[in-house]
Amino acid sequence: MLSMLDGFSGYNQIEVSPEDQFKTAFTTPWGTFAYSRMPFGLTNAGATFQRAMDFAFKGMMGKVIVVYLDDLTVFSKRR
């Protein structure tokens, strides 16, 4: 059996360290804001998320699960 999963808002689950939040700052007419969670689109967001998935599924990667960005494919022998 093959299951396809989407890590919906997965990037937003990774915390941006407080000392790095200023790097995500942007200004609007309503004020200046910074992300406390990693937004999609940052230069290293893909690599950071992939590293988190590699850690979370350590030992299973390439055997029963394949992760590409926020898409997960899970293989199983039974329903």
PDB file of N, CA and C in Angstrom:
ATOM      1  N   MET A   1       0.841  -1.162   0.000  1.00  0.00           N
ATOM      2  CA  MET A   1       0.000   0.000   0.000  1.00  0.00           C
ATOM      3  C   MET A   1       0.896   1.238   0.000  1.00  0.00           C
ATOM      4  N   LEU A   2       0.433   2.236  -0.675  1.00  0.00           N
ATOM      5  CA  LEU A   2       1.173   3.492  -0.800  1.00  0.00           C
ATOM      6  C   LEU A   2       0.289   4.625  -0.296  1.00  0.00           C
ATOM      7  N   SER A   3       0.799   5.395   0.631  1.00  0.00           N
ATOM      8  CA  SER A   3       0.050   6.537   1.170  1.00  0.00           C
ATOM      9  C   SER A   3       0.825   7.812   0.899  1.00  0.00           C
ATOM     10  N   MET A   4       0.122   8.809   0.399  1.00  0.00           N
ATOM     11  CA  MET A   4       0.732  10.113   0.138  1.00  0.00           C
ATOM     12  C   MET A   4       0.198  11.095   1.169  1.00  0.00           C
ATOM     13  N   LEU A   5       1.091  11.791   1.838  1.00  0.00           N
ATOM     14  CA  LEU A   5       0.706  12.756   2.863  1.00  0.00           C
ATOM     15  C   LEU A   5       1.293  14.115   2.533  1.00  0.00           C
ATOM     16  N   ASP A   6       0.566  15.138   2.880  1.00  0.00           N
ATOM     17  CA  ASP A   6       1.051  16.498   2.683  1.00  0.00           C
ATOM     18  C   ASP A   6       1.274  17.114   4.049  1.00  0.00           C
ATOM     19  N   GLY A   7       2.490  17.568   4.295  1.00  0.00           N
ATOM     20  CA  GLY A   7       2.816  18.208   5.567  1.00  0.00           C
ATOM     21  C   GLY A   7       2.271  19.619   5.590  1.00  0.00           C
ATOM     22  N   PHE A   8       0.952  19.746   5.572  1.00  0.00           N
ATOM     23  CA  PHE A   8       0.277  21.040   5.511  1.00  0.00           C
ATOM     24  C   PHE A   8       0.779  21.944   6.627  1.00  0.00           C
ATOM     25  N   SER A   9       1.268  23.099   6.265  1.00  0.00           N
ATOM     26  CA  SER A   9       1.811  24.076   7.222  1.00  0.00           C
ATOM     27  C   SER A   9       2.989  23.518   8.018  1.00  0.00           C
ATOM     28  N   GLY A  10       3.650  22.523   7.469  1.00  0.00           N
ATOM     29  CA  GLY A  10       4.777  21.914   8.173  1.00  0.00           C
ATOM     30  C   GLY A  10       5.899  22.888   8.468  1.00  0.00           C
ATOM     31  N   TYR A  11       6.163  23.762   7.535  1.00  0.00           N
ATOM     32  CA  TYR A  11       7.227  24.739   7.735  1.00  0.00           C
ATOM     33  C   TYR A  11       6.920  25.618   8.944  1.00  0.00           C
ATOM     34  N   ASN A  12       5.645  25.929   9.146  1.00  0.00           N
ATOM     35  CA  ASN A  12       5.248  26.800  10.246  1.00  0.00           C
ATOM     36  C   ASN A  12       5.364  26.133  11.610  1.00  0.00           C
ATOM     37  N   GLN A  13       5.709  24.857  11.646  1.00  0.00           N
ATOM     38  CA  GLN A  13       5.876  24.156  12.917  1.00  0.00           C
ATOM     39  C   GLN A  13       7.289  24.312  13.466  1.00  0.00           C
ATOM     40  N   ILE A  14       8.194  24.838  12.643  1.00  0.00           N
ATOM     41  CA  ILE A  14       9.590  24.986  13.058  1.00  0.00           C
ATOM     42  C   ILE A  14       9.805  26.389  13.603  1.00  0.00           C
ATOM     43  N   GLU A  15      10.280  26.451  14.830  1.00  0.00           N
ATOM     44  CA  GLU A  15      10.472  27.738  15.497  1.00  0.00           C
ATOM     45  C   GLU A  15      11.711  28.460  14.975  1.00  0.00           C
ATOM     46  N   VAL A  16      11.590  29.750  14.778  1.00  0.00           N
ATOM     47  CA  VAL A  16      12.737  30.599  14.450  1.00  0.00           C
ATOM     48  C   VAL A  16      13.310  31.059  15.786  1.00  0.00           C
ATOM     49  N   SER A  17      14.592  30.839  16.001  1.00  0.00           N
ATOM     50  CA  SER A  17      15.185  31.226  17.282  1.00  0.00           C
ATOM     51  C   SER A  17      15.041  32.734  17.488  1.00  0.00           C
ATOM     52  N   PRO A  18      14.786  33.154  18.717  1.00  0.00           N
ATOM     53  CA  PRO A  18      14.552  34.578  18.990  1.00  0.00           C
ATOM     54  C   PRO A  18      15.658  35.497  18.464  1.00  0.00           C
ATOM     55  N   GLU A  19      16.903  35.050  18.527  1.00  0.00           N
ATOM     56  CA  GLU A  19      17.997  35.904  18.055  1.00  0.00           C
ATOM     57  C   GLU A  19      18.048  36.034  16.533  1.00  0.00           C
ATOM     58  N   ASP A  20      17.298  35.187  15.815  1.00  0.00           N
ATOM     59  CA  ASP A  20      17.266  35.255  14.351  1.00  0.00           C
ATOM     60  C   ASP A  20      15.965  35.828  13.792  1.00  0.00           C
ATOM     61  N   GLN A  21      14.999  36.103  14.635  1.00  0.00           N
ATOM     62  CA  GLN A  21      13.705  36.581  14.162  1.00  0.00           C
ATOM     63  C   GLN A  21      13.804  37.913  13.425  1.00  0.00           C
ATOM     64  N   PHE A  22      14.751  38.751  13.803  1.00  0.00           N
ATOM     65  CA  PHE A  22      14.888  40.049  13.125  1.00  0.00           C
ATOM     66  C   PHE A  22      15.202  39.877  11.640  1.00  0.00           C
ATOM     67  N   LYS A  23      15.779  38.738  11.276  1.00  0.00           N
ATOM     68  CA  LYS A  23      16.124  38.480   9.876  1.00  0.00           C
ATOM     69  C   LYS A  23      14.879  38.255   9.011  1.00  0.00           C
ATOM     70  N   THR A  24      13.750  37.992   9.649  1.00  0.00           N
ATOM     71  CA  THR A  24      12.505  37.752   8.912  1.00  0.00           C
ATOM     72  C   THR A  24      11.574  38.963   8.960  1.00  0.00           C
ATOM     73  N   ALA A  25      12.059  40.072   9.481  1.00  0.00           N
ATOM     74  CA  ALA A  25      11.207  41.253   9.693  1.00  0.00           C
ATOM     75  C   ALA A  25      10.758  41.887   8.381  1.00  0.00           C
ATOM     76  N   PHE A  26       9.567  42.443   8.424  1.00  0.00           N
ATOM     77  CA  PHE A  26       9.015  43.191   7.299  1.00  0.00           C
ATOM     78  C   PHE A  26       8.139  44.309   7.863  1.00  0.00           C
ATOM     79  N   THR A  27       7.995  45.356   7.079  1.00  0.00           N
ATOM     80  CA  THR A  27       7.239  46.524   7.523  1.00  0.00           C
ATOM     81  C   THR A  27       6.005  46.718   6.653  1.00  0.00           C
ATOM     82  N   THR A  28       4.900  47.036   7.301  1.00  0.00           N
ATOM     83  CA  THR A  28       3.641  47.336   6.622  1.00  0.00           C
ATOM     84  C   THR A  28       3.137  48.682   7.154  1.00  0.00           C
ATOM     85  N   PRO A  29       2.079  49.199   6.593  1.00  0.00           N
ATOM     86  CA  PRO A  29       1.513  50.435   7.148  1.00  0.00           C
ATOM     87  C   PRO A  29       1.051  50.277   8.602  1.00  0.00           C
ATOM     88  N   TRP A  30       0.863  49.048   9.060  1.00  0.00           N
ATOM     89  CA  TRP A  30       0.378  48.788  10.416  1.00  0.00           C
ATOM     90  C   TRP A  30       1.501  48.491  11.398  1.00  0.00           C
ATOM     91  N   GLY A  31       2.741  48.485  10.940  1.00  0.00           N
ATOM     92  CA  GLY A  31       3.862  48.260  11.843  1.00  0.00           C
ATOM     93  C   GLY A  31       4.904  47.329  11.263  1.00  0.00           C
ATOM     94  N   THR A  32       5.904  47.039  12.068  1.00  0.00           N
ATOM     95  CA  THR A  32       6.972  46.117  11.694  1.00  0.00           C
ATOM     96  C   THR A  32       6.729  44.792  12.402  1.00  0.00           C
ATOM     97  N   PHE A  33       6.851  43.712  11.654  1.00  0.00           N
ATOM     98  CA  PHE A  33       6.565  42.381  12.176  1.00  0.00           C
ATOM     99  C   PHE A  33       7.717  41.442  11.835  1.00  0.00           C
ATOM    100  N   ALA A  34       7.853  40.373  12.621  1.00  0.00           N
ATOM    101  CA  ALA A  34       8.857  39.345  12.358  1.00  0.00           C
ATOM    102  C   ALA A  34       8.230  37.983  12.651  1.00  0.00           C
ATOM    103  N   TYR A  35       8.665  36.988  11.925  1.00  0.00           N
ATOM    104  CA  TYR A  35       8.141  35.638  12.115  1.00  0.00           C
ATOM    105  C   TYR A  35       8.763  34.993  13.351  1.00  0.00           C
ATOM    106  N   SER A  36       7.942  34.276  14.114  1.00  0.00           N
ATOM    107  CA  SER A  36       8.446  33.460  15.214  1.00  0.00           C
ATOM    108  C   SER A  36       8.478  31.990  14.793  1.00  0.00           C
ATOM    109  N   ARG A  37       7.810  31.680  13.678  1.00  0.00           N
ATOM    110  CA  ARG A  37       7.822  30.344  13.075  1.00  0.00           C
ATOM    111  C   ARG A  37       8.318  30.480  11.645  1.00  0.00           C
ATOM    112  N   MET A  38       8.964  29.437  11.144  1.00  0.00           N
ATOM    113  CA  MET A  38       9.588  29.508   9.828  1.00  0.00           C
ATOM    114  C   MET A  38       8.541  29.585   8.713  1.00  0.00           C
ATOM    115  N   PRO A  39       8.571  30.647   7.928  1.00  0.00           N
ATOM    116  CA  PRO A  39       7.647  30.739   6.798  1.00  0.00           C
ATOM    117  C   PRO A  39       8.217  30.009   5.584  1.00  0.00           C
ATOM    118  N   PHE A  40       7.342  29.580   4.707  1.00  0.00           N
ATOM    119  CA  PHE A  40       7.768  28.988   3.446  1.00  0.00           C
ATOM    120  C   PHE A  40       8.380  30.094   2.598  1.00  0.00           C
ATOM    121  N   GLY A  41       9.489  29.811   1.948  1.00  0.00           N
ATOM    122  CA  GLY A  41      10.085  30.793   1.049  1.00  0.00           C
ATOM    123  C   GLY A  41      11.409  31.360   1.505  1.00  0.00           C
ATOM    124  N   LEU A  42      11.787  31.145   2.763  1.00  0.00           N
ATOM    125  CA  LEU A  42      13.107  31.596   3.195  1.00  0.00           C
ATOM    126  C   LEU A  42      14.172  30.788   2.462  1.00  0.00           C
ATOM    127  N   THR A  43      15.337  31.368   2.276  1.00  0.00           N
ATOM    128  CA  THR A  43      16.401  30.726   1.502  1.00  0.00           C
ATOM    129  C   THR A  43      16.689  29.300   1.959  1.00  0.00           C
ATOM    130  N   ASN A  44      16.823  29.081   3.249  1.00  0.00           N
ATOM    131  CA  ASN A  44      17.179  27.757   3.764  1.00  0.00           C
ATOM    132  C   ASN A  44      15.993  26.995   4.345  1.00  0.00           C
ATOM    133  N   ALA A  45      14.785  27.450   4.093  1.00  0.00           N
ATOM    134  CA  ALA A  45      13.602  26.805   4.674  1.00  0.00           C
ATOM    135  C   ALA A  45      13.481  25.346   4.236  1.00  0.00           C
ATOM    136  N   GLY A  46      13.686  25.077   2.964  1.00  0.00           N
ATOM    137  CA  GLY A  46      13.578  23.704   2.469  1.00  0.00           C
ATOM    138  C   GLY A  46      14.571  22.771   3.125  1.00  0.00           C
ATOM    139  N   ALA A  47      15.822  23.204   3.219  1.00  0.00           N
ATOM    140  CA  ALA A  47      16.862  22.376   3.835  1.00  0.00           C
ATOM    141  C   ALA A  47      16.600  22.189   5.326  1.00  0.00           C
ATOM    142  N   THR A  48      16.137  23.237   5.987  1.00  0.00           N
ATOM    143  CA  THR A  48      15.840  23.148   7.419  1.00  0.00           C
ATOM    144  C   THR A  48      14.690  22.184   7.675  1.00  0.00           C
ATOM    145  N   PHE A  49      13.644  22.269   6.863  1.00  0.00           N
ATOM    146  CA  PHE A  49      12.505  21.367   7.027  1.00  0.00           C
ATOM    147  C   PHE A  49      12.919  19.932   6.719  1.00  0.00           C
ATOM    148  N   GLN A  50      13.720  19.730   5.676  1.00  0.00           N
ATOM    149  CA  GLN A  50      14.176  18.386   5.327  1.00  0.00           C
ATOM    150  C   GLN A  50      14.992  17.787   6.466  1.00  0.00           C
ATOM    151  N   ARG A  51      15.856  18.588   7.083  1.00  0.00           N
ATOM    152  CA  ARG A  51      16.657  18.125   8.218  1.00  0.00           C
ATOM    153  C   ARG A  51      15.756  17.715   9.385  1.00  0.00           C
ATOM    154  N   ALA A  52      14.706  18.484   9.629  1.00  0.00           N
ATOM    155  CA  ALA A  52      13.762  18.144  10.700  1.00  0.00           C
ATOM    156  C   ALA A  52      13.043  16.831  10.394  1.00  0.00           C
ATOM    157  N   MET A  53      12.663  16.621   9.133  1.00  0.00           N
ATOM    158  CA  MET A  53      12.002  15.377   8.748  1.00  0.00           C
ATOM    159  C   MET A  53      12.963  14.197   8.840  1.00  0.00           C
ATOM    160  N   ASP A  54      14.219  14.404   8.428  1.00  0.00           N
ATOM    161  CA  ASP A  54      15.224  13.348   8.545  1.00  0.00           C
ATOM    162  C   ASP A  54      15.392  12.934   9.998  1.00  0.00           C
ATOM    163  N   PHE A  55      15.387  13.901  10.901  1.00  0.00           N
ATOM    164  CA  PHE A  55      15.522  13.612  12.329  1.00  0.00           C
ATOM    165  C   PHE A  55      14.272  12.909  12.858  1.00  0.00           C
ATOM    166  N   ALA A  56      13.096  13.402  12.483  1.00  0.00           N
ATOM    167  CA  ALA A  56      11.837  12.837  12.979  1.00  0.00           C
ATOM    168  C   ALA A  56      11.631  11.396  12.522  1.00  0.00           C
ATOM    169  N   PHE A  57      12.055  11.086  11.307  1.00  0.00           N
ATOM    170  CA  PHE A  57      11.834   9.756  10.750  1.00  0.00           C
ATOM    171  C   PHE A  57      13.133   8.963  10.612  1.00  0.00           C
ATOM    172  N   LYS A  58      14.101   9.280  11.453  1.00  0.00           N
ATOM    173  CA  LYS A  58      15.400   8.602  11.421  1.00  0.00           C
ATOM    174  C   LYS A  58      15.192   7.084  11.513  1.00  0.00           C
ATOM    175  N   GLY A  59      15.884   6.346  10.697  1.00  0.00           N
ATOM    176  CA  GLY A  59      15.763   4.898  10.688  1.00  0.00           C
ATOM    177  C   GLY A  59      14.683   4.388   9.747  1.00  0.00           C
ATOM    178  N   MET A  60      13.768   5.256   9.344  1.00  0.00           N
ATOM    179  CA  MET A  60      12.686   4.857   8.437  1.00  0.00           C
ATOM    180  C   MET A  60      12.859   5.441   7.041  1.00  0.00           C
ATOM    181  N   MET A  61      13.695   6.483   6.929  1.00  0.00           N
ATOM    182  CA  MET A  61      13.877   7.165   5.646  1.00  0.00           C
ATOM    183  C   MET A  61      14.427   6.198   4.602  1.00  0.00           C
ATOM    184  N   GLY A  62      13.778   6.155   3.468  1.00  0.00           N
ATOM    185  CA  GLY A  62      14.213   5.295   2.378  1.00  0.00           C
ATOM    186  C   GLY A  62      13.760   3.854   2.521  1.00  0.00           C
ATOM    187  N   LYS A  63      13.246   3.483   3.696  1.00  0.00           N
ATOM    188  CA  LYS A  63      12.758   2.119   3.923  1.00  0.00           C
ATOM    189  C   LYS A  63      11.241   2.072   3.826  1.00  0.00           C
ATOM    190  N   VAL A  64      10.577   2.865   4.657  1.00  0.00           N
ATOM    191  CA  VAL A  64       9.116   2.893   4.638  1.00  0.00           C
ATOM    192  C   VAL A  64       8.567   4.291   4.375  1.00  0.00           C
ATOM    193  N   ILE A  65       9.445   5.277   4.323  1.00  0.00           N
ATOM    194  CA  ILE A  65       8.985   6.644   4.093  1.00  0.00           C
ATOM    195  C   ILE A  65       9.993   7.403   3.239  1.00  0.00           C
ATOM    196  N   VAL A  66       9.468   8.215   2.347  1.00  0.00           N
ATOM    197  CA  VAL A  66      10.287   9.114   1.533  1.00  0.00           C
ATOM    198  C   VAL A  66       9.704  10.512   1.716  1.00  0.00           C
ATOM    199  N   VAL A  67      10.568  11.469   2.015  1.00  0.00           N
ATOM    200  CA  VAL A  67      10.119  12.845   2.224  1.00  0.00           C
ATOM    201  C   VAL A  67      10.759  13.734   1.171  1.00  0.00           C
ATOM    202  N   TYR A  68       9.931  14.517   0.495  1.00  0.00           N
ATOM    203  CA  TYR A  68      10.420  15.534  -0.430  1.00  0.00           C
ATOM    204  C   TYR A  68       9.711  16.828  -0.079  1.00  0.00           C
ATOM    205  N   LEU A  69      10.471  17.782   0.433  1.00  0.00           N
ATOM    206  CA  LEU A  69       9.921  19.036   0.932  1.00  0.00           C
ATOM    207  C   LEU A  69       8.834  18.734   1.954  1.00  0.00           C
ATOM    208  N   ASP A  70       7.578  19.107   1.704  1.00  0.00           N
ATOM    209  CA  ASP A  70       6.538  18.822   2.696  1.00  0.00           C
ATOM    210  C   ASP A  70       5.609  17.690   2.245  1.00  0.00           C
ATOM    211  N   ASP A  71       6.061  16.888   1.279  1.00  0.00           N
ATOM    212  CA  ASP A  71       5.291  15.745   0.804  1.00  0.00           C
ATOM    213  C   ASP A  71       5.924  14.459   1.311  1.00  0.00           C
ATOM    214  N   LEU A  72       5.109  13.608   1.923  1.00  0.00           N
ATOM    215  CA  LEU A  72       5.593  12.353   2.475  1.00  0.00           C
ATOM    216  C   LEU A  72       4.923  11.192   1.755  1.00  0.00           C
ATOM    217  N   THR A  73       5.713  10.185   1.408  1.00  0.00           N
ATOM    218  CA  THR A  73       5.196   8.960   0.823  1.00  0.00           C
ATOM    219  C   THR A  73       5.531   7.833   1.777  1.00  0.00           C
ATOM    220  N   VAL A  74       4.504   7.097   2.203  1.00  0.00           N
ATOM    221  CA  VAL A  74       4.678   6.012   3.169  1.00  0.00           C
ATOM    222  C   VAL A  74       4.321   4.704   2.477  1.00  0.00           C
ATOM    223  N   PHE A  75       5.207   3.716   2.607  1.00  0.00           N
ATOM    224  CA  PHE A  75       5.006   2.404   2.011  1.00  0.00           C
ATOM    225  C   PHE A  75       4.651   1.415   3.116  1.00  0.00           C
ATOM    226  N   SER A  76       3.667   0.557   2.863  1.00  0.00           N
ATOM    227  CA  SER A  76       3.326  -0.490   3.829  1.00  0.00           C
ATOM    228  C   SER A  76       2.889  -1.737   3.071  1.00  0.00           C
ATOM    229  N   LYS A  77       2.973  -2.876   3.754  1.00  0.00           N
ATOM    230  CA  LYS A  77       2.607  -4.140   3.129  1.00  0.00           C
ATOM    231  C   LYS A  77       1.140  -4.480   3.337  1.00  0.00           C
ATOM    232  N   ARG A  78       0.513  -3.852   4.333  1.00  0.00           N
ATOM    233  CA  ARG A  78      -0.882  -4.167   4.643  1.00  0.00           C
ATOM    234  C   ARG A  78      -1.751  -2.927   4.580  1.00  0.00           C
ATOM    235  N   ARG A  79      -3.045  -3.165   4.491  1.00  0.00           N
ATOM    236  CA  ARG A  79      -4.021  -2.072   4.507  1.00  0.00           C
ATOM    237  C   ARG A  79      -4.305  -1.635   5.904  1.00  0.00           C
TER     238      ARG A  79
END
